[in-house]
Amino acid sequence: MFKRSLTKLINKPTFLGSLVIVCLLTLTFYLWIQAKDVEDRLLEQQFNLSLINLSQNIDARISNMKLIAKNLANDSHIHDWVDRGFTRNQESILVDKLGFLVEEYGLTSASFADKNTHKYWNHEGFLRVLQPEIDMWYFAYLKSAQSDLISVYHDKNKNRVDVYVNYQQIAGNGLSGIATSFDGVLDMLKNSLFAKYGDIYLVDSSGKVQVHADSAIAGTKSLQDMFSKETVDKLLQPNHFGFIDLNEAADELLGVSYIPSMNWYVVVNLRR
């Protein structure tokens, strides 16, 4: 009887000590889980804000370019000169205006075409009469009856990416085009938060990758090559924003934000 009582006295503190340790470990684990959840939520909020900021910055830049291109295509002084039969001694009305736009807005190019004669000028002067066999993009654009045309050009020789914004009068004969370096946007993508966690790129409305940090991917791959049709259909919706779990086991996320002025999307593929 005495031994049993003594054993209880000895074991009781040991049991209480073990219980305290278990409680402390449980509390520590719980607090760690809570802290991780808070960290994940903060990171997700950061992702969302960064995605919105990127798409809005690009949208503002393209919207401004579209306004410049539209004003150029509708310029009354240029059309007066066209209506007078392209008098050679007043060609400077057009060329000087194109040159002014290049200087004023830091453009790499500014151009104007008459849709009736297909005569084509840029800021350096008259270039040529556009031909269906050579200038297929131009004649496809005319047939499209779309006012805006946006495209990118990867200049391998100059190691530069330019974005081209065109505008054509649907009920008139003016067609304009301006271009600017897209390297600033490319730098934004490369230096963004997303580049630390995965891939970020721009795709057009069909899902084709148009701008990517890896120039070998731009223009050659599409979302359909990388993800399921169901995922692509879900992403390519103007009203869709945010992230979806692509692979919960691998903690992989896919996010998208719409760029209204381009009808393109910023897409991010994150692996945390």
Protein backbone atom coordinates (compact mmCIF):
# COMPACT_ATOMS: atom_id res chain seq x y z
CA MET A 1 0.00 0.00 0.00
CA PHE A 2 2.79 2.35 0.92
CA LYS A 3 4.66 1.46 -2.32
CA ARG A 4 1.65 2.16 -4.47
CA SER A 5 1.12 5.55 -2.86
CA LEU A 6 4.78 6.35 -3.33
CA THR A 7 4.59 5.33 -7.01
CA LYS A 8 1.60 7.65 -7.52
CA LEU A 9 3.49 10.53 -5.97
CA ILE A 10 6.47 9.87 -8.22
CA ASN A 11 4.45 9.36 -11.43
CA LYS A 12 2.01 12.23 -10.92
CA PRO A 13 4.51 15.04 -11.65
CA THR A 14 5.87 13.05 -14.59
CA PHE A 15 2.39 12.71 -16.04
CA LEU A 16 1.59 16.36 -15.46
CA GLY A 17 4.90 17.36 -17.03
CA SER A 18 4.18 15.24 -20.09
CA LEU A 19 0.72 16.70 -20.35
CA VAL A 20 2.12 20.23 -20.20
CA ILE A 21 4.66 19.39 -22.91
CA VAL A 22 1.96 17.90 -25.14
CA CYS A 23 -0.21 20.98 -24.63
CA LEU A 24 2.68 23.29 -25.43
CA LEU A 25 3.52 21.33 -28.58
CA THR A 26 -0.13 21.37 -29.66
CA LEU A 27 -0.38 25.11 -29.03
CA THR A 28 2.88 25.74 -30.89
CA PHE A 29 1.68 23.69 -33.85
CA TYR A 30 -1.67 25.47 -33.83
CA LEU A 31 -0.01 28.89 -33.73
CA TRP A 32 2.34 27.85 -36.54
CA ILE A 33 -0.61 26.75 -38.67
CA GLN A 34 -2.41 30.02 -37.92
CA ALA A 35 0.70 32.06 -38.79
CA LYS A 36 1.14 30.12 -42.04
CA ASP A 37 -2.52 30.71 -42.96
CA VAL A 38 -2.09 34.44 -42.31
CA GLU A 39 1.12 34.47 -44.37
CA ASP A 40 -0.62 32.63 -47.22
CA ARG A 41 -3.55 35.04 -47.15
CA LEU A 42 -1.25 38.05 -47.18
CA LEU A 43 0.72 36.58 -50.07
CA GLU A 44 -2.51 35.89 -51.97
CA GLN A 45 -3.63 39.48 -51.40
CA GLN A 46 -0.25 40.65 -52.65
CA PHE A 47 -0.65 38.46 -55.74
CA ASN A 48 -4.09 39.91 -56.47
CA LEU A 49 -2.96 43.52 -56.03
CA SER A 50 0.13 42.98 -58.19
CA LEU A 51 -1.95 41.34 -60.90
CA ILE A 52 -4.45 44.22 -60.92
CA ASN A 53 -1.63 46.77 -60.96
CA LEU A 54 0.10 45.12 -63.92
CA SER A 55 -3.01 44.83 -66.06
CA GLN A 56 -4.09 48.40 -65.27
CA ASN A 57 -0.66 49.81 -66.15
CA ILE A 58 -0.64 48.00 -69.49
CA ASP A 59 -4.25 48.97 -70.17
CA ALA A 60 -3.51 52.66 -69.52
CA ARG A 61 -0.53 52.59 -71.88
CA ILE A 62 -2.46 50.92 -74.72
CA SER A 63 -5.53 53.14 -74.20
CA ASN A 64 -3.34 56.21 -74.66
CA MET A 65 -1.81 54.76 -77.83
CA LYS A 66 -5.25 53.92 -79.23
CA LEU A 67 -6.34 57.52 -78.70
CA ILE A 68 -3.25 58.83 -80.54
CA ALA A 69 -3.80 56.41 -83.44
CA LYS A 70 -7.50 57.29 -83.70
CA ASN A 71 -6.79 61.03 -83.76
CA LEU A 72 -4.18 60.49 -86.45
CA ALA A 73 -6.50 58.45 -88.68
CA ASN A 74 -9.18 61.14 -88.33
CA ASP A 75 -6.89 64.17 -88.71
CA SER A 76 -8.73 66.73 -90.86
CA HIS A 77 -5.55 68.43 -92.15
CA ILE A 78 -4.24 65.11 -93.47
CA HIS A 79 -7.57 64.30 -95.12
CA ASP A 80 -7.74 67.72 -96.74
CA TRP A 81 -4.34 67.06 -98.28
CA VAL A 82 -5.46 63.57 -99.45
CA ASP A 83 -8.62 65.04 -100.99
CA ARG A 84 -6.49 67.57 -102.89
CA GLY A 85 -4.74 64.67 -104.64
CA PHE A 86 -1.58 64.21 -102.53
CA THR A 87 0.09 67.38 -103.80
CA ARG A 88 3.82 66.74 -103.53
CA ASN A 89 4.78 70.19 -102.27
CA GLN A 90 2.42 69.78 -99.29
CA GLU A 91 3.40 66.24 -98.32
CA SER A 92 5.09 67.73 -95.27
CA ILE A 93 1.62 68.24 -93.75
CA LEU A 94 1.54 64.49 -93.19
CA VAL A 95 5.21 63.64 -92.70
CA ASP A 96 5.86 66.46 -90.22
CA LYS A 97 2.83 65.40 -88.18
CA LEU A 98 4.05 61.80 -88.07
CA GLY A 99 7.50 62.98 -87.04
CA PHE A 100 6.03 65.18 -84.31
CA LEU A 101 4.14 62.23 -82.83
CA VAL A 102 7.30 60.11 -82.77
CA GLU A 103 9.21 62.82 -80.93
CA GLU A 104 6.40 63.89 -78.62
CA TYR A 105 5.41 60.43 -77.40
CA GLY A 106 8.69 58.56 -77.72
CA LEU A 107 7.36 56.26 -80.45
CA THR A 108 9.47 53.98 -82.59
CA SER A 109 7.20 54.54 -85.60
CA ALA A 110 4.14 56.45 -86.83
CA SER A 111 2.42 55.78 -90.15
CA PHE A 112 -0.59 56.64 -92.27
CA ALA A 113 -2.21 54.83 -95.22
CA ASP A 114 -4.91 55.92 -97.65
CA LYS A 115 -7.33 52.98 -97.95
CA ASN A 116 -8.44 54.00 -101.44
CA THR A 117 -5.03 54.08 -103.10
CA HIS A 118 -3.13 52.03 -100.44
CA LYS A 119 -0.37 54.64 -100.42
CA TYR A 120 1.65 54.32 -97.25
CA TRP A 121 3.83 56.84 -95.35
CA ASN A 122 5.75 56.74 -92.11
CA HIS A 123 7.52 59.49 -90.18
CA GLU A 124 10.45 59.38 -92.61
CA GLY A 125 8.34 59.95 -95.73
CA PHE A 126 6.52 58.03 -98.44
CA LEU A 127 7.30 54.30 -98.41
CA ARG A 128 5.33 52.53 -101.11
CA VAL A 129 1.92 51.44 -102.37
CA LEU A 130 0.90 48.43 -100.30
CA GLN A 131 0.44 45.17 -102.23
CA PRO A 132 -1.82 42.18 -101.38
CA GLU A 133 0.97 39.65 -102.02
CA ILE A 134 3.41 41.41 -99.68
CA ASP A 135 1.35 43.31 -97.10
CA MET A 136 -1.10 40.60 -96.18
CA TRP A 137 -1.66 41.91 -92.67
CA TYR A 138 -2.89 45.25 -94.07
CA PHE A 139 -5.44 43.77 -96.49
CA ALA A 140 -6.64 41.27 -93.88
CA TYR A 141 -7.11 44.22 -91.54
CA LEU A 142 -9.18 46.08 -94.14
CA LYS A 143 -11.42 43.05 -94.64
CA SER A 144 -11.89 42.56 -90.92
CA ALA A 145 -13.88 45.81 -90.63
CA GLN A 146 -12.46 46.16 -87.12
CA SER A 147 -11.39 49.63 -86.10
CA ASP A 148 -8.47 48.53 -83.90
CA LEU A 149 -5.60 46.16 -84.54
CA ILE A 150 -2.96 45.47 -81.88
CA SER A 151 0.09 43.28 -82.38
CA VAL A 152 3.62 42.81 -81.12
CA TYR A 153 6.82 42.42 -83.07
CA HIS A 154 9.93 40.73 -81.70
CA ASP A 155 12.96 42.25 -83.38
CA LYS A 156 15.65 39.60 -82.93
CA ASN A 157 18.34 41.81 -84.49
CA LYS A 158 17.73 44.75 -82.13
CA ASN A 159 16.70 42.48 -79.24
CA ARG A 160 13.57 44.61 -78.83
CA VAL A 161 9.84 44.04 -78.51
CA ASP A 162 7.53 46.64 -80.09
CA VAL A 163 3.77 46.91 -79.75
CA TYR A 164 1.83 48.21 -82.76
CA VAL A 165 -1.53 49.94 -82.42
CA ASN A 166 -3.49 50.55 -85.64
CA TYR A 167 -6.76 52.35 -86.21
CA GLN A 168 -8.83 52.49 -89.39
CA GLN A 169 -11.86 54.58 -90.21
CA ILE A 170 -14.67 52.15 -90.91
CA ALA A 171 -16.61 54.69 -92.98
CA GLY A 172 -13.59 56.60 -94.24
CA ASN A 173 -10.26 56.09 -95.96
CA GLY A 174 -7.80 56.87 -93.13
CA LEU A 175 -5.68 54.18 -91.54
CA SER A 176 -2.97 54.91 -88.99
CA GLY A 177 -0.40 52.95 -87.07
CA ILE A 178 1.90 53.82 -84.19
CA ALA A 179 4.49 51.67 -82.45
CA THR A 180 6.43 51.93 -79.23
CA SER A 181 8.90 49.76 -77.40
CA PHE A 182 7.23 47.19 -75.16
CA ASP A 183 10.47 46.56 -73.31
CA GLY A 184 9.15 48.56 -70.36
CA VAL A 185 6.23 46.17 -70.02
CA LEU A 186 8.56 43.21 -70.46
CA ASP A 187 10.74 44.58 -67.65
CA MET A 188 7.64 44.94 -65.47
CA LEU A 189 6.87 41.27 -66.04
CA LYS A 190 10.45 40.17 -65.37
CA ASN A 191 10.74 42.23 -62.18
CA SER A 192 7.28 41.51 -60.82
CA LEU A 193 6.50 39.49 -57.73
CA PHE A 194 5.26 36.66 -59.94
CA ALA A 195 8.62 36.10 -61.62
CA LYS A 196 9.96 34.91 -58.23
CA TYR A 197 7.31 32.21 -57.97
CA GLY A 198 6.69 31.09 -61.53
CA ASP A 199 5.88 32.34 -65.03
CA ILE A 200 4.08 35.47 -66.19
CA TYR A 201 3.13 36.40 -69.76
CA LEU A 202 0.54 38.08 -71.98
CA VAL A 203 -1.85 36.13 -74.20
CA ASP A 204 -4.32 37.32 -76.82
CA SER A 205 -8.03 36.50 -76.86
CA SER A 206 -7.36 33.13 -78.51
CA GLY A 207 -4.87 32.12 -75.81
CA LYS A 208 -1.72 32.55 -77.91
CA VAL A 209 1.30 33.75 -75.93
CA GLN A 210 2.26 37.16 -77.34
CA VAL A 211 4.72 38.50 -74.75
CA HIS A 212 6.97 36.32 -72.59
CA ALA A 213 10.30 36.75 -70.84
CA ASP A 214 11.52 33.85 -72.98
CA SER A 215 11.37 35.14 -76.57
CA ALA A 216 11.39 31.54 -77.84
CA ILE A 217 7.95 30.99 -76.28
CA ALA A 218 6.33 34.23 -77.44
CA GLY A 219 4.37 33.69 -80.64
CA THR A 220 4.95 29.92 -80.64
CA LYS A 221 2.93 28.57 -77.71
CA SER A 222 -0.62 28.97 -76.51
CA LEU A 223 -2.51 28.20 -73.32
CA GLN A 224 -4.05 25.21 -75.10
CA ASP A 225 -0.56 23.68 -75.33
CA MET A 226 -0.06 23.95 -71.58
CA PHE A 227 -3.43 23.44 -69.89
CA SER A 228 -6.69 21.57 -70.31
CA LYS A 229 -9.51 22.97 -72.44
CA GLU A 230 -11.68 23.36 -69.34
CA THR A 231 -9.00 25.46 -67.63
CA VAL A 232 -8.40 27.62 -70.73
CA ASP A 233 -12.12 28.22 -71.25
CA LYS A 234 -12.41 29.32 -67.63
CA LEU A 235 -9.46 31.70 -67.89
CA LEU A 236 -10.27 33.40 -71.19
CA GLN A 237 -13.30 35.26 -69.90
CA PRO A 238 -13.23 39.07 -69.59
CA ASN A 239 -15.20 38.87 -66.32
CA HIS A 240 -12.87 36.30 -64.74
CA PHE A 241 -10.23 37.55 -62.33
CA GLY A 242 -8.05 35.89 -59.73
CA PHE A 243 -6.45 32.54 -59.11
CA ILE A 244 -7.56 28.96 -59.43
CA ASP A 245 -5.91 25.87 -57.92
CA LEU A 246 -4.31 24.12 -60.83
CA ASN A 247 -2.69 21.38 -58.79
CA GLU A 248 -3.47 21.37 -55.08
CA ALA A 249 -0.96 18.61 -54.32
CA ALA A 250 1.85 20.63 -55.89
CA ASP A 251 0.43 23.93 -54.58
CA GLU A 252 0.23 25.33 -58.12
CA LEU A 253 -1.91 28.35 -58.96
CA LEU A 254 -3.02 29.89 -62.23
CA GLY A 255 -4.16 33.50 -62.29
CA VAL A 256 -5.46 35.90 -64.93
CA SER A 257 -6.42 39.54 -65.32
CA TYR A 258 -8.13 41.04 -68.38
CA ILE A 259 -6.68 44.01 -70.32
CA PRO A 260 -9.75 45.70 -71.90
CA SER A 261 -7.93 48.00 -74.32
CA MET A 262 -6.13 45.05 -75.94
CA ASN A 263 -8.65 42.25 -75.39
CA TRP A 264 -5.64 40.36 -74.01
CA TYR A 265 -4.88 38.79 -70.64
CA VAL A 266 -2.07 38.80 -68.11
CA VAL A 267 -1.54 35.17 -67.10
CA VAL A 268 0.54 33.95 -64.15
CA ASN A 269 1.44 30.36 -63.36
CA LEU A 270 2.72 30.10 -59.78
CA ARG A 271 4.38 27.28 -57.88
CA ARG A 272 4.75 28.11 -54.20
